[in-house]
Amino acid sequence: MSRAGEPRSYGLQGSDAATMYDCDDTPIRARSHAMKTPHQSPESVSLQRKAFMSLLIGVTLAFAFVIWPYFGAVFWGAVLAIVFAPLNRLLLRSQRPGTAAGITLGVIVVIVILPLTLLSVAVLQEIAAFYEMIKTGKIDFADYFLRIIALLPAWVTGLLERLGLSDLGLVQQKVVDALTKGSQAVAAQALSLGHDTLELVVGFFVMLYLLFFLLRDGAGLARRITQALPLAEQHKRMLGVKFIAVIRATVKGNVSVAALQGALGGLIFWLLDIHGPVLWGVVMAFLSLLPAIGAALVWGPVALYLLAIGEVWQGSVLVLFGMLVIGLVDNLLRPMLVGKDTRMPDFIVLISTLGGMALFGLNGFVIGPVIAAMFIVVWDIFTRAHAGTGRY
């Protein structure tokens, strides 16, 4: 310790290096700390905390409002980063973070984005051809409806008559009205096609841009978010593990089932020489995101139509294939790929998927099960804490 009048030394060793003394033997650090942090009343501290929390919530909501127009791009960028994180970690063993993220992004483009683009082009072509057949009269829904009515039981026919749905003229008028409204809607959308296309392209590149940085820096970002959560460490781990497991299982499971069901549906349509097998296969794939009933909404009415026009063997083959092959994929693979990894009952997976898609559209088939999983985990934490120490 320096005495009064002696020069002060800052080259101290050991524990003395943490504290410097002035000529009056008062620690400089302690004095400066006392000057910087004067005594505050509890009311003042509480007010400051409330003000800061209000600021924190306000800027968070403002940031969410800013990125909301590109919610889909941000959402799918995060989902793809989580799904392909194992591949990125594998590449990190021999590559730099930026190089590993670039290679992973290239793999995603080749095996996910490029096939979806080519499939979309094929579907658009078949939609145009299908619309032309409706316009020229090669496809007559009123005639199909009349043939199906002829095969229905008497009690069903009577019910349709009471509802006014067995009159051919009325059916034709409804079909014409529906097509007219559809044409008007298409014309209205065509006016904004350029703007929508620009938004789609911008959103696509926003997703790719964000995906690269999430692959490269996602681990550090996840740690910072986890550290900011005011929860116990074991609870953070439980929530994080369940969150990632549900997203991976839901995306891989549902997408795998939907792709397989759509491919099988398109194949049987092609073998039975049904027009637009690619179109109907894609429709079945999207509807397959609805567990249990999805693909049947397509092959069921088509099989009924084939039976109505006298093509009994084609209709019978479609019914058997739909029930025994397409349905088997849904009944066996979905619980294995989705329910097993998420460790959620099948009925919760079904209800959360349906509710999520009703609220959030296509994004809901991921968001719904994630919310359900978080619900189960949080209540599990609550019940364990309540039965134990009562602390969270």
Protein backbone atom coordinates (compact mmCIF):
# COMPACT_ATOMS: atom_id res chain seq x y z
CA MET A 1 0.00 0.00 0.00
CA SER A 2 1.40 3.45 -0.91
CA ARG A 3 1.74 5.97 1.86
CA ALA A 4 0.84 9.63 1.65
CA GLY A 5 3.31 11.54 -0.49
CA GLU A 6 4.76 8.40 -2.09
CA PRO A 7 4.26 7.77 -5.78
CA ARG A 8 1.38 5.34 -6.54
CA SER A 9 2.24 2.08 -8.25
CA TYR A 10 -0.13 0.33 -10.68
CA GLY A 11 2.05 -2.68 -11.28
CA LEU A 12 0.64 -4.66 -8.36
CA GLN A 13 0.59 -8.43 -8.28
CA GLY A 14 -1.89 -10.96 -6.99
CA SER A 15 -4.98 -9.84 -5.18
CA ASP A 16 -3.60 -6.28 -4.83
CA ALA A 17 -3.95 -5.83 -8.60
CA ALA A 18 -7.72 -5.69 -8.22
CA THR A 19 -7.65 -2.63 -5.94
CA MET A 20 -5.81 0.71 -6.16
CA TYR A 21 -5.47 3.13 -3.23
CA ASP A 22 -5.40 6.89 -3.20
CA CYS A 23 -3.37 9.02 -0.77
CA ASP A 24 -6.07 8.79 1.89
CA ASP A 25 -5.92 4.96 1.87
CA THR A 26 -9.43 4.70 0.36
CA PRO A 27 -9.82 2.19 -2.48
CA ILE A 28 -10.27 4.14 -5.72
CA ARG A 29 -12.55 1.45 -7.22
CA ALA A 30 -14.82 1.50 -4.18
CA ARG A 31 -15.02 5.30 -4.23
CA SER A 32 -15.81 5.46 -7.94
CA HIS A 33 -18.44 2.75 -7.53
CA ALA A 34 -20.06 4.67 -4.71
CA MET A 35 -20.14 7.84 -6.80
CA LYS A 36 -21.61 6.07 -9.84
CA THR A 37 -24.29 4.12 -8.02
CA PRO A 38 -25.93 6.32 -5.40
CA HIS A 39 -28.49 4.80 -3.09
CA GLN A 40 -31.89 4.39 -4.75
CA SER A 41 -35.21 3.79 -3.13
CA PRO A 42 -37.07 0.52 -3.84
CA GLU A 43 -39.79 2.51 -5.62
CA SER A 44 -37.21 4.01 -8.00
CA VAL A 45 -35.69 0.60 -8.75
CA SER A 46 -39.12 -0.89 -9.40
CA LEU A 47 -40.02 1.99 -11.72
CA GLN A 48 -36.79 1.53 -13.68
CA ARG A 49 -37.43 -2.18 -14.07
CA LYS A 50 -40.98 -1.59 -15.27
CA ALA A 51 -39.78 1.05 -17.73
CA PHE A 52 -37.08 -1.24 -19.09
CA MET A 53 -39.50 -4.19 -19.44
CA SER A 54 -41.95 -1.93 -21.27
CA LEU A 55 -39.15 -0.83 -23.60
CA LEU A 56 -38.06 -4.44 -24.13
CA ILE A 57 -41.59 -5.57 -24.99
CA GLY A 58 -42.17 -2.55 -27.21
CA VAL A 59 -39.04 -2.94 -29.34
CA THR A 60 -39.65 -6.72 -29.61
CA LEU A 61 -43.19 -6.18 -30.91
CA ALA A 62 -41.93 -3.47 -33.26
CA PHE A 63 -39.28 -5.83 -34.66
CA ALA A 64 -41.89 -8.57 -35.13
CA PHE A 65 -44.11 -6.06 -36.96
CA VAL A 66 -41.23 -5.10 -39.26
CA ILE A 67 -40.42 -8.68 -40.32
CA TRP A 68 -44.05 -9.85 -40.45
CA PRO A 69 -44.41 -9.33 -44.25
CA TYR A 70 -41.72 -11.99 -44.67
CA PHE A 71 -42.89 -14.28 -41.91
CA GLY A 72 -43.09 -17.25 -44.27
CA ALA A 73 -39.54 -16.74 -45.51
CA VAL A 74 -38.17 -16.33 -41.97
CA PHE A 75 -40.18 -19.29 -40.69
CA TRP A 76 -39.09 -21.74 -43.39
CA GLY A 77 -35.52 -20.48 -43.23
CA ALA A 78 -35.45 -21.34 -39.52
CA VAL A 79 -37.19 -24.70 -40.09
CA LEU A 80 -34.78 -25.76 -42.83
CA ALA A 81 -31.81 -24.67 -40.70
CA ILE A 82 -33.04 -26.90 -37.85
CA VAL A 83 -33.78 -29.87 -40.13
CA PHE A 84 -30.40 -29.72 -41.89
CA ALA A 85 -28.35 -28.80 -38.81
CA PRO A 86 -27.01 -32.39 -38.44
CA LEU A 87 -25.57 -32.25 -41.97
CA ASN A 88 -24.02 -28.86 -41.25
CA ARG A 89 -22.43 -30.16 -38.04
CA LEU A 90 -21.02 -33.12 -39.95
CA LEU A 91 -19.41 -30.79 -42.49
CA LEU A 92 -17.97 -28.62 -39.72
CA ARG A 93 -15.60 -31.45 -38.81
CA SER A 94 -13.60 -30.78 -41.96
CA GLN A 95 -14.76 -27.37 -43.21
CA ARG A 96 -14.82 -23.78 -42.01
CA PRO A 97 -18.22 -22.55 -40.76
CA GLY A 98 -18.88 -20.43 -43.86
CA THR A 99 -17.88 -23.21 -46.24
CA ALA A 100 -19.98 -25.79 -44.38
CA ALA A 101 -23.01 -23.48 -44.45
CA GLY A 102 -22.54 -22.87 -48.18
CA ILE A 103 -22.33 -26.60 -48.96
CA THR A 104 -25.39 -27.33 -46.84
CA LEU A 105 -27.30 -24.55 -48.57
CA GLY A 106 -26.33 -26.02 -51.96
CA VAL A 107 -27.62 -29.43 -50.88
CA ILE A 108 -30.93 -27.88 -49.80
CA VAL A 109 -31.27 -26.14 -53.16
CA VAL A 110 -30.57 -29.35 -55.10
CA ILE A 111 -32.71 -31.82 -53.14
CA VAL A 112 -35.54 -29.54 -51.97
CA ILE A 113 -35.95 -26.31 -53.90
CA LEU A 114 -35.07 -27.46 -57.42
CA PRO A 115 -37.44 -30.48 -57.41
CA LEU A 116 -40.24 -28.32 -56.03
CA THR A 117 -39.66 -25.77 -58.81
CA LEU A 118 -39.78 -28.41 -61.55
CA LEU A 119 -42.86 -29.99 -60.01
CA SER A 120 -44.58 -26.60 -59.84
CA VAL A 121 -43.95 -26.04 -63.56
CA ALA A 122 -45.45 -29.45 -64.40
CA VAL A 123 -48.48 -28.79 -62.21
CA LEU A 124 -49.10 -25.39 -63.83
CA GLN A 125 -49.03 -27.02 -67.26
CA GLU A 126 -51.58 -29.64 -66.21
CA ILE A 127 -53.78 -27.00 -64.60
CA ALA A 128 -53.83 -25.08 -67.89
CA ALA A 129 -54.71 -28.24 -69.83
CA PHE A 130 -57.41 -29.18 -67.31
CA TYR A 131 -58.96 -25.71 -67.49
CA GLU A 132 -58.99 -25.90 -71.30
CA MET A 133 -60.83 -29.23 -71.18
CA ILE A 134 -63.46 -27.71 -68.89
CA LYS A 135 -63.79 -24.70 -71.16
CA THR A 136 -64.25 -26.82 -74.31
CA GLY A 137 -66.76 -29.15 -72.66
CA LYS A 138 -64.62 -32.28 -72.65
CA ILE A 139 -65.11 -32.34 -68.90
CA ASP A 140 -68.78 -31.91 -67.95
CA PHE A 141 -69.30 -31.86 -64.20
CA ALA A 142 -73.08 -31.81 -64.57
CA ASP A 143 -72.97 -35.07 -66.56
CA TYR A 144 -70.67 -36.66 -63.98
CA PHE A 145 -72.98 -35.57 -61.20
CA LEU A 146 -76.03 -37.05 -62.95
CA ARG A 147 -74.30 -40.39 -63.45
CA ILE A 148 -73.29 -40.55 -59.82
CA ILE A 149 -76.87 -39.75 -58.70
CA ALA A 150 -78.14 -42.68 -60.74
CA LEU A 151 -76.04 -45.08 -58.65
CA LEU A 152 -77.08 -43.70 -55.27
CA PRO A 153 -79.63 -45.44 -53.03
CA ALA A 154 -83.22 -44.20 -53.08
CA TRP A 155 -83.02 -42.53 -49.66
CA VAL A 156 -79.95 -40.53 -50.73
CA THR A 157 -81.65 -39.50 -53.99
CA GLY A 158 -84.72 -38.38 -52.05
CA LEU A 159 -82.56 -36.30 -49.72
CA LEU A 160 -80.86 -34.62 -52.71
CA GLU A 161 -84.26 -33.86 -54.26
CA ARG A 162 -85.46 -32.20 -51.06
CA LEU A 163 -82.26 -30.13 -51.10
CA GLY A 164 -82.78 -29.24 -54.75
CA LEU A 165 -79.53 -30.89 -55.89
CA SER A 166 -80.90 -33.49 -58.29
CA ASP A 167 -82.12 -31.04 -60.94
CA LEU A 168 -79.74 -31.17 -63.91
CA GLY A 169 -80.55 -27.63 -64.99
CA LEU A 170 -79.88 -26.31 -61.51
CA VAL A 171 -76.60 -28.21 -61.33
CA GLN A 172 -75.52 -26.86 -64.71
CA GLN A 173 -76.37 -23.32 -63.63
CA LYS A 174 -74.34 -23.73 -60.44
CA VAL A 175 -71.42 -25.07 -62.43
CA VAL A 176 -71.59 -22.15 -64.85
CA ASP A 177 -71.81 -19.68 -61.98
CA ALA A 178 -68.86 -21.29 -60.24
CA LEU A 179 -66.75 -21.22 -63.41
CA THR A 180 -67.72 -17.60 -64.05
CA LYS A 181 -66.72 -16.56 -60.57
CA GLY A 182 -63.52 -18.55 -60.91
CA SER A 183 -62.67 -16.83 -64.19
CA GLN A 184 -63.30 -13.44 -62.64
CA ALA A 185 -61.06 -14.31 -59.71
CA VAL A 186 -58.31 -15.47 -62.07
CA ALA A 187 -58.60 -12.26 -64.06
CA ALA A 188 -58.41 -10.18 -60.90
CA GLN A 189 -55.36 -12.06 -59.72
CA ALA A 190 -53.70 -11.67 -63.11
CA LEU A 191 -53.61 -7.90 -62.61
CA SER A 192 -51.44 -8.31 -59.53
CA LEU A 193 -49.38 -11.19 -60.92
CA GLY A 194 -46.28 -9.07 -61.41
CA HIS A 195 -46.41 -7.70 -57.88
CA ASP A 196 -47.05 -11.15 -56.37
CA THR A 197 -44.24 -12.67 -58.40
CA LEU A 198 -41.85 -9.98 -57.20
CA GLU A 199 -42.85 -10.62 -53.58
CA LEU A 200 -42.39 -14.36 -54.08
CA VAL A 201 -38.92 -13.91 -55.58
CA VAL A 202 -37.87 -11.46 -52.84
CA GLY A 203 -39.20 -13.77 -50.15
CA PHE A 204 -37.36 -16.72 -51.70
CA PHE A 205 -34.01 -14.92 -51.64
CA VAL A 206 -34.68 -13.62 -48.12
CA MET A 207 -35.18 -17.23 -47.03
CA LEU A 208 -31.94 -18.38 -48.69
CA TYR A 209 -29.98 -15.42 -47.26
CA LEU A 210 -31.31 -16.01 -43.76
CA LEU A 211 -30.80 -19.76 -44.08
CA PHE A 212 -27.09 -19.34 -44.81
CA PHE A 213 -26.50 -17.22 -41.70
CA LEU A 214 -28.63 -19.49 -39.51
CA LEU A 215 -26.57 -22.47 -40.65
CA ARG A 216 -23.32 -20.60 -40.00
CA ASP A 217 -24.21 -18.75 -36.79
CA GLY A 218 -27.30 -20.59 -35.59
CA ALA A 219 -25.61 -22.39 -32.70
CA GLY A 220 -24.35 -19.15 -31.16
CA LEU A 221 -27.70 -17.45 -31.69
CA ALA A 222 -29.49 -20.35 -30.02
CA ARG A 223 -27.17 -20.11 -27.01
CA ARG A 224 -27.82 -16.38 -26.65
CA ILE A 225 -31.58 -16.88 -26.82
CA THR A 226 -31.36 -19.68 -24.27
CA GLN A 227 -29.27 -17.55 -21.90
CA ALA A 228 -31.81 -14.72 -22.14
CA LEU A 229 -34.70 -16.93 -21.01
CA PRO A 230 -35.44 -16.43 -17.29
CA LEU A 231 -35.89 -20.16 -16.63
CA ALA A 232 -34.00 -22.85 -14.80
CA GLU A 233 -31.30 -24.58 -16.83
CA GLN A 234 -33.00 -27.98 -16.81
CA HIS A 235 -36.23 -26.42 -18.01
CA LYS A 236 -34.41 -24.65 -20.84
CA ARG A 237 -32.90 -27.95 -21.91
CA MET A 238 -36.26 -29.73 -21.84
CA LEU A 239 -37.97 -27.04 -23.90
CA GLY A 240 -35.08 -26.77 -26.38
CA VAL A 241 -34.80 -30.51 -26.95
CA LYS A 242 -38.56 -30.92 -27.42
CA PHE A 243 -38.79 -27.88 -29.71
CA ILE A 244 -36.09 -29.16 -32.08
CA ALA A 245 -37.32 -32.78 -31.96
CA VAL A 246 -40.89 -31.80 -32.85
CA ILE A 247 -39.84 -29.58 -35.76
CA ARG A 248 -37.57 -32.24 -37.24
CA ALA A 249 -40.07 -35.05 -36.74
CA THR A 250 -42.99 -33.03 -38.06
CA VAL A 251 -41.22 -31.79 -41.17
CA LYS A 252 -39.45 -35.03 -42.03
CA GLY A 253 -42.41 -37.22 -41.07
CA ASN A 254 -45.25 -35.24 -42.64
CA VAL A 255 -43.31 -34.29 -45.75
CA SER A 256 -42.14 -37.88 -46.26
CA VAL A 257 -45.67 -39.25 -45.86
CA ALA A 258 -47.15 -36.55 -48.10
CA ALA A 259 -44.52 -37.09 -50.81
CA LEU A 260 -44.98 -40.86 -50.75
CA GLN A 261 -48.77 -40.69 -50.79
CA GLY A 262 -48.72 -38.14 -53.59
CA ALA A 263 -46.29 -40.25 -55.63
CA LEU A 264 -48.38 -43.41 -55.13
CA GLY A 265 -51.58 -41.53 -55.98
CA GLY A 266 -50.08 -40.02 -59.13
CA LEU A 267 -48.74 -43.45 -60.14
CA ILE A 268 -52.10 -45.22 -59.86
CA PHE A 269 -53.81 -42.37 -61.71
CA TRP A 270 -51.25 -42.71 -64.50
CA LEU A 271 -51.69 -46.49 -64.67
CA LEU A 272 -55.48 -46.11 -64.84
CA ASP A 273 -55.10 -43.45 -67.58
CA ILE A 274 -56.76 -40.71 -65.53
CA HIS A 275 -56.07 -37.23 -66.85
CA GLY A 276 -53.60 -35.08 -64.93
CA PRO A 277 -51.78 -37.63 -62.76
CA VAL A 278 -49.10 -35.12 -61.74
CA LEU A 279 -51.71 -32.52 -60.78
CA TRP A 280 -53.78 -34.95 -58.74
CA GLY A 281 -50.65 -36.44 -57.18
CA VAL A 282 -49.60 -32.99 -55.95
CA VAL A 283 -53.12 -32.28 -54.67
CA MET A 284 -53.05 -35.59 -52.77
CA ALA A 285 -49.63 -34.74 -51.37
CA PHE A 286 -50.85 -31.41 -50.00
CA LEU A 287 -54.06 -32.92 -48.63
CA SER A 288 -52.01 -35.71 -47.05
CA LEU A 289 -50.80 -33.13 -44.54
CA LEU A 290 -54.26 -33.68 -43.04
CA PRO A 291 -53.82 -37.01 -41.22
CA ALA A 292 -56.17 -39.94 -41.90
CA ILE A 293 -58.49 -38.24 -44.41
CA GLY A 294 -56.24 -36.20 -46.72
CA ALA A 295 -55.53 -38.28 -49.84
CA ALA A 296 -58.96 -39.96 -49.73
CA LEU A 297 -60.53 -36.59 -50.55
CA VAL A 298 -59.07 -37.00 -54.05
CA TRP A 299 -59.05 -40.69 -54.92
CA GLY A 300 -62.44 -41.33 -53.27
CA PRO A 301 -64.56 -39.11 -55.57
CA VAL A 302 -62.55 -40.23 -58.63
CA ALA A 303 -63.19 -43.89 -57.77
CA LEU A 304 -66.89 -43.11 -57.32
CA TYR A 305 -66.96 -41.44 -60.73
CA LEU A 306 -65.27 -44.41 -62.42
CA LEU A 307 -67.87 -46.74 -60.93
CA ALA A 308 -70.65 -44.36 -62.02
CA ILE A 309 -69.60 -44.39 -65.68
CA GLY A 310 -69.32 -48.18 -65.78
CA GLU A 311 -65.55 -48.57 -65.49
CA VAL A 312 -65.95 -51.03 -62.65
CA TRP A 313 -62.52 -52.62 -62.63
CA GLN A 314 -60.69 -49.27 -62.73
CA GLY A 315 -62.85 -47.92 -59.92
CA SER A 316 -62.40 -51.09 -57.86
CA VAL A 317 -58.65 -51.07 -58.36
CA LEU A 318 -58.49 -47.42 -57.28
CA VAL A 319 -60.57 -48.13 -54.16
CA LEU A 320 -58.43 -51.11 -53.16
CA PHE A 321 -55.18 -49.28 -53.89
CA GLY A 322 -56.32 -46.21 -51.99
CA MET A 323 -57.39 -48.16 -48.92
CA LEU A 324 -54.65 -50.80 -48.79
CA VAL A 325 -51.61 -48.91 -50.11
CA ILE A 326 -52.12 -45.15 -49.82
CA GLY A 327 -54.04 -45.48 -46.56
CA LEU A 328 -51.50 -47.94 -45.16
CA VAL A 329 -48.72 -45.40 -45.67
CA ASP A 330 -50.65 -42.89 -43.55
CA ASN A 331 -51.63 -45.38 -40.85
CA LEU A 332 -48.18 -46.95 -40.45
CA LEU A 333 -45.53 -44.40 -41.38
CA ARG A 334 -47.03 -41.25 -39.85
CA PRO A 335 -47.19 -42.60 -36.28
CA MET A 336 -43.68 -44.04 -36.69
CA LEU A 337 -42.10 -40.89 -38.14
CA VAL A 338 -44.09 -38.23 -36.28
CA GLY A 339 -45.61 -39.69 -33.14
CA LYS A 340 -42.53 -41.71 -32.13
CA ASP A 341 -40.02 -38.84 -32.30
CA THR A 342 -42.36 -36.26 -30.81
CA ARG A 343 -43.53 -38.71 -28.12
CA MET A 344 -47.04 -37.34 -28.46
CA PRO A 345 -50.24 -39.39 -28.80
CA ASP A 346 -51.56 -39.77 -32.33
CA PHE A 347 -54.79 -37.93 -31.55
CA ILE A 348 -52.87 -34.88 -30.30
CA VAL A 349 -50.72 -34.89 -33.45
CA LEU A 350 -53.91 -35.05 -35.56
CA ILE A 351 -55.81 -32.33 -33.71
CA SER A 352 -52.82 -29.98 -33.46
CA THR A 353 -52.04 -30.41 -37.17
CA LEU A 354 -55.63 -29.71 -38.22
CA GLY A 355 -55.93 -26.74 -35.85
CA GLY A 356 -52.56 -25.34 -36.88
CA MET A 357 -53.40 -25.48 -40.58
CA ALA A 358 -56.81 -23.90 -39.92
CA LEU A 359 -55.14 -20.96 -38.15
CA PHE A 360 -51.80 -20.57 -39.96
CA GLY A 361 -52.36 -22.21 -43.35
CA LEU A 362 -49.62 -24.45 -44.72
CA ASN A 363 -47.19 -23.29 -42.00
CA GLY A 364 -49.59 -24.70 -39.43
CA PHE A 365 -48.63 -28.32 -40.01
CA VAL A 366 -45.38 -27.43 -38.21
CA ILE A 367 -46.60 -24.69 -35.87
CA GLY A 368 -49.55 -26.71 -34.53
CA PRO A 369 -47.57 -29.75 -33.28
CA VAL A 370 -44.83 -27.46 -31.91
CA ILE A 371 -47.37 -25.54 -29.82
CA ALA A 372 -48.90 -28.84 -28.64
CA ALA A 373 -45.48 -30.17 -27.65
CA MET A 374 -44.62 -26.98 -25.75
CA PHE A 375 -48.00 -27.21 -24.01
CA ILE A 376 -47.24 -30.75 -22.85
CA VAL A 377 -43.70 -29.94 -21.71
CA VAL A 378 -44.68 -26.79 -19.78
CA TRP A 379 -47.49 -28.58 -17.96
CA ASP A 380 -45.14 -31.48 -17.22
CA ILE A 381 -42.66 -29.03 -15.66
CA PHE A 382 -45.47 -27.46 -13.64
CA THR A 383 -46.79 -30.77 -12.29
CA ARG A 384 -43.31 -32.01 -11.36
CA ALA A 385 -42.49 -28.77 -9.55
CA HIS A 386 -45.85 -28.74 -7.78
CA ALA A 387 -45.44 -32.34 -6.65
CA GLY A 388 -41.83 -31.71 -5.52
CA THR A 389 -40.43 -28.54 -4.06
CA GLY A 390 -43.02 -26.22 -5.54
CA ARG A 391 -40.25 -24.24 -7.28
CA TYR A 392 -39.97 -23.68 -11.02
